[in-house]
Amino acid sequence: QVQLVESGGGLVQPGGSLRLSCAASGSDFSISAMGWYRQAPGKQRELVADNSIGGSITYADSVKGRFTISTDNAKNTVYLQMNRLKPEDTAVYYCNVRGRYYVPHRPFDLWGQGTQVTGSS
């Protein structure tokens, strides 16, 4: 069973930076994509950035040029570097990891526990 552990959220002044991490652990699995979503109070969860391993990277228009997603495939970890944070970036951020278990051979689509990011002075 794959488990996800997120870290790195917090309070930051507008214009500041934070880096989120999400590590996947377990055995007998492969990962096909890792991404970040966020949910602000009263709003639906939305895509922030997604990295299809060996494929394309997608960013929400609102974060392009400010946020960078990266992965360490050896560590099964995805990062989100957030620069020039704005108050409207305030949300709970969730990592999302998709892949397949080897035994039995079936797909998985998992969410992290969420980490709060608050951009406020």
C-alpha atoms as a PDB file:
ATOM      1  CA  GLN A   1       0.000   0.000   0.000  1.00  0.00           C
ATOM      2  CA  VAL A   2       1.427   3.379  -1.026  1.00  0.00           C
ATOM      3  CA  GLN A   3       1.361   6.145   1.563  1.00  0.00           C
ATOM      4  CA  LEU A   4       1.896   9.856   0.975  1.00  0.00           C
ATOM      5  CA  VAL A   5       3.393  12.303   3.449  1.00  0.00           C
ATOM      6  CA  GLU A   6       3.294  16.022   2.749  1.00  0.00           C
ATOM      7  CA  SER A   7       5.351  18.736   4.400  1.00  0.00           C
ATOM      8  CA  GLY A   8       6.379  22.336   3.982  1.00  0.00           C
ATOM      9  CA  GLY A   9       3.272  24.471   4.394  1.00  0.00           C
ATOM     10  CA  GLY A  10       3.048  27.542   6.576  1.00  0.00           C
ATOM     11  CA  LEU A  11       2.475  31.257   6.835  1.00  0.00           C
ATOM     12  CA  VAL A  12       4.409  33.511   4.516  1.00  0.00           C
ATOM     13  CA  GLN A  13       4.243  37.193   3.683  1.00  0.00           C
ATOM     14  CA  PRO A  14       3.100  38.185   0.201  1.00  0.00           C
ATOM     15  CA  GLY A  15       6.049  38.015  -2.120  1.00  0.00           C
ATOM     16  CA  GLY A  16       7.688  35.277  -0.090  1.00  0.00           C
ATOM     17  CA  SER A  17       8.532  31.680  -0.941  1.00  0.00           C
ATOM     18  CA  LEU A  18       7.699  28.212   0.315  1.00  0.00           C
ATOM     19  CA  ARG A  19       8.563  24.720  -0.836  1.00  0.00           C
ATOM     20  CA  LEU A  20       6.172  21.817  -0.423  1.00  0.00           C
ATOM     21  CA  SER A  21       7.245  18.186  -0.484  1.00  0.00           C
ATOM     22  CA  CYS A  22       5.286  14.979  -0.875  1.00  0.00           C
ATOM     23  CA  ALA A  23       6.954  11.602  -0.501  1.00  0.00           C
ATOM     24  CA  ALA A  24       5.403   8.317  -1.582  1.00  0.00           C
ATOM     25  CA  SER A  25       6.452   5.209   0.294  1.00  0.00           C
ATOM     26  CA  GLY A  26       5.595   1.549   0.065  1.00  0.00           C
ATOM     27  CA  SER A  27       6.607  -1.369  -2.085  1.00  0.00           C
ATOM     28  CA  ASP A  28       5.868  -2.966  -5.431  1.00  0.00           C
ATOM     29  CA  PHE A  29       4.575   0.048  -7.267  1.00  0.00           C
ATOM     30  CA  SER A  30       5.425   2.431 -10.069  1.00  0.00           C
ATOM     31  CA  ILE A  31       4.437   6.073 -10.431  1.00  0.00           C
ATOM     32  CA  SER A  32       3.121   7.581 -13.656  1.00  0.00           C
ATOM     33  CA  ALA A  33       2.294  11.110 -12.519  1.00  0.00           C
ATOM     34  CA  MET A  34       2.657  13.402  -9.506  1.00  0.00           C
ATOM     35  CA  GLY A  35       0.942  16.709  -8.994  1.00  0.00           C
ATOM     36  CA  TRP A  36      -0.343  19.389  -6.680  1.00  0.00           C
ATOM     37  CA  TYR A  37      -3.876  20.671  -6.200  1.00  0.00           C
ATOM     38  CA  ARG A  38      -5.277  23.265  -3.826  1.00  0.00           C
ATOM     39  CA  GLN A  39      -8.586  24.083  -2.225  1.00  0.00           C
ATOM     40  CA  ALA A  40      -9.429  27.485  -0.818  1.00  0.00           C
ATOM     41  CA  PRO A  41     -12.323  27.974   1.613  1.00  0.00           C
ATOM     42  CA  GLY A  42     -15.643  27.814  -0.190  1.00  0.00           C
ATOM     43  CA  LYS A  43     -14.046  26.816  -3.481  1.00  0.00           C
ATOM     44  CA  GLN A  44     -13.543  23.601  -5.407  1.00  0.00           C
ATOM     45  CA  ARG A  45     -10.226  21.816  -5.476  1.00  0.00           C
ATOM     46  CA  GLU A  46      -8.200  22.979  -8.462  1.00  0.00           C
ATOM     47  CA  LEU A  47      -5.079  21.911 -10.292  1.00  0.00           C
ATOM     48  CA  VAL A  48      -1.914  23.812  -9.435  1.00  0.00           C
ATOM     49  CA  ALA A  49       0.689  21.750 -11.314  1.00  0.00           C
ATOM     50  CA  ASP A  50       1.012  18.235 -12.613  1.00  0.00           C
ATOM     51  CA  ASN A  51       4.021  16.264 -13.829  1.00  0.00           C
ATOM     52  CA  SER A  52       3.465  13.226 -15.999  1.00  0.00           C
ATOM     53  CA  ILE A  53       6.656  11.255 -15.389  1.00  0.00           C
ATOM     54  CA  GLY A  54       8.652  11.283 -18.591  1.00  0.00           C
ATOM     55  CA  GLY A  55       5.985  13.433 -20.184  1.00  0.00           C
ATOM     56  CA  SER A  56       4.524  16.884 -19.901  1.00  0.00           C
ATOM     57  CA  ILE A  57       4.179  19.393 -17.098  1.00  0.00           C
ATOM     58  CA  THR A  58       1.000  21.408 -16.687  1.00  0.00           C
ATOM     59  CA  TYR A  59       0.532  24.569 -14.633  1.00  0.00           C
ATOM     60  CA  ALA A  60      -2.539  26.551 -13.751  1.00  0.00           C
ATOM     61  CA  ASP A  61      -2.428  29.934 -15.475  1.00  0.00           C
ATOM     62  CA  SER A  62      -2.554  31.653 -12.094  1.00  0.00           C
ATOM     63  CA  VAL A  63       0.783  30.167 -10.995  1.00  0.00           C
ATOM     64  CA  LYS A  64       2.758  30.117 -14.240  1.00  0.00           C
ATOM     65  CA  GLY A  65       6.099  31.837 -13.826  1.00  0.00           C
ATOM     66  CA  ARG A  66       5.852  31.743 -10.009  1.00  0.00           C
ATOM     67  CA  PHE A  67       5.532  28.057  -9.079  1.00  0.00           C
ATOM     68  CA  THR A  68       7.738  25.178 -10.192  1.00  0.00           C
ATOM     69  CA  ILE A  69       6.958  21.480  -9.860  1.00  0.00           C
ATOM     70  CA  SER A  70       9.778  18.965  -9.781  1.00  0.00           C
ATOM     71  CA  THR A  71      10.212  15.313  -8.944  1.00  0.00           C
ATOM     72  CA  ASP A  72      12.957  13.128  -7.542  1.00  0.00           C
ATOM     73  CA  ASN A  73      12.084   9.790  -9.074  1.00  0.00           C
ATOM     74  CA  ALA A  74      14.653   7.911  -6.998  1.00  0.00           C
ATOM     75  CA  LYS A  75      12.962   9.164  -3.834  1.00  0.00           C
ATOM     76  CA  ASN A  76       9.392   9.027  -5.188  1.00  0.00           C
ATOM     77  CA  THR A  77       9.028  12.635  -4.099  1.00  0.00           C
ATOM     78  CA  VAL A  78       7.359  15.618  -5.710  1.00  0.00           C
ATOM     79  CA  TYR A  79       8.127  19.218  -4.810  1.00  0.00           C
ATOM     80  CA  LEU A  80       6.340  22.493  -5.382  1.00  0.00           C
ATOM     81  CA  GLN A  81       8.521  25.573  -5.190  1.00  0.00           C
ATOM     82  CA  MET A  82       6.268  28.569  -4.700  1.00  0.00           C
ATOM     83  CA  ASN A  83       7.743  32.020  -5.252  1.00  0.00           C
ATOM     84  CA  ARG A  84       6.179  35.470  -5.186  1.00  0.00           C
ATOM     85  CA  LEU A  85       3.277  34.167  -3.157  1.00  0.00           C
ATOM     86  CA  LYS A  86       0.055  36.155  -3.224  1.00  0.00           C
ATOM     87  CA  PRO A  87      -2.805  36.252  -0.710  1.00  0.00           C
ATOM     88  CA  GLU A  88      -4.976  34.468  -3.277  1.00  0.00           C
ATOM     89  CA  ASP A  89      -2.606  31.485  -3.138  1.00  0.00           C
ATOM     90  CA  THR A  90      -3.909  30.815   0.363  1.00  0.00           C
ATOM     91  CA  ALA A  91      -5.363  27.308   0.396  1.00  0.00           C
ATOM     92  CA  VAL A  92      -4.860  23.765   1.570  1.00  0.00           C
ATOM     93  CA  TYR A  93      -2.456  22.130  -0.870  1.00  0.00           C
ATOM     94  CA  TYR A  94      -2.795  18.433  -1.679  1.00  0.00           C
ATOM     95  CA  CYS A  95      -0.384  16.235  -3.553  1.00  0.00           C
ATOM     96  CA  ASN A  96      -1.769  13.663  -5.954  1.00  0.00           C
ATOM     97  CA  VAL A  97       0.108  10.573  -7.059  1.00  0.00           C
ATOM     98  CA  ARG A  98      -1.024   8.132  -9.736  1.00  0.00           C
ATOM     99  CA  GLY A  99       0.533   4.866 -10.713  1.00  0.00           C
ATOM    100  CA  ARG A 100       0.144   1.104 -10.576  1.00  0.00           C
ATOM    101  CA  TYR A 101       0.748  -1.627  -8.074  1.00  0.00           C
ATOM    102  CA  TYR A 102       2.648  -4.619  -9.403  1.00  0.00           C
ATOM    103  CA  VAL A 103       0.840  -7.252  -7.338  1.00  0.00           C
ATOM    104  CA  PRO A 104      -2.011  -7.279  -7.937  1.00  0.00           C
ATOM    105  CA  HIS A 105      -1.584  -5.285 -11.113  1.00  0.00           C
ATOM    106  CA  ARG A 106      -3.983  -2.415 -10.581  1.00  0.00           C
ATOM    107  CA  PRO A 107      -3.894   1.375 -10.755  1.00  0.00           C
ATOM    108  CA  PHE A 108      -3.960   3.780  -7.844  1.00  0.00           C
ATOM    109  CA  ASP A 109      -4.829   7.464  -7.523  1.00  0.00           C
ATOM    110  CA  LEU A 110      -3.902   8.788  -4.075  1.00  0.00           C
ATOM    111  CA  TRP A 111      -4.113  12.096  -2.228  1.00  0.00           C
ATOM    112  CA  GLY A 112      -1.892  13.480   0.484  1.00  0.00           C
ATOM    113  CA  GLN A 113      -3.282  14.688   3.791  1.00  0.00           C
ATOM    114  CA  GLY A 114      -3.085  18.348   2.780  1.00  0.00           C
ATOM    115  CA  THR A 115      -0.927  21.170   4.060  1.00  0.00           C
ATOM    116  CA  GLN A 116      -2.042  24.736   4.746  1.00  0.00           C
ATOM    117  CA  VAL A 117      -0.375  27.586   2.864  1.00  0.00           C
ATOM    118  CA  THR A 118      -1.288  31.087   3.955  1.00  0.00           C
ATOM    119  CA  GLY A 119      -0.048  34.194   2.221  1.00  0.00           C
ATOM    120  CA  SER A 120      -0.705  37.074   4.562  1.00  0.00           C
ATOM    121  CA  SER A 121       1.053  39.950   6.226  1.00  0.00           C
END
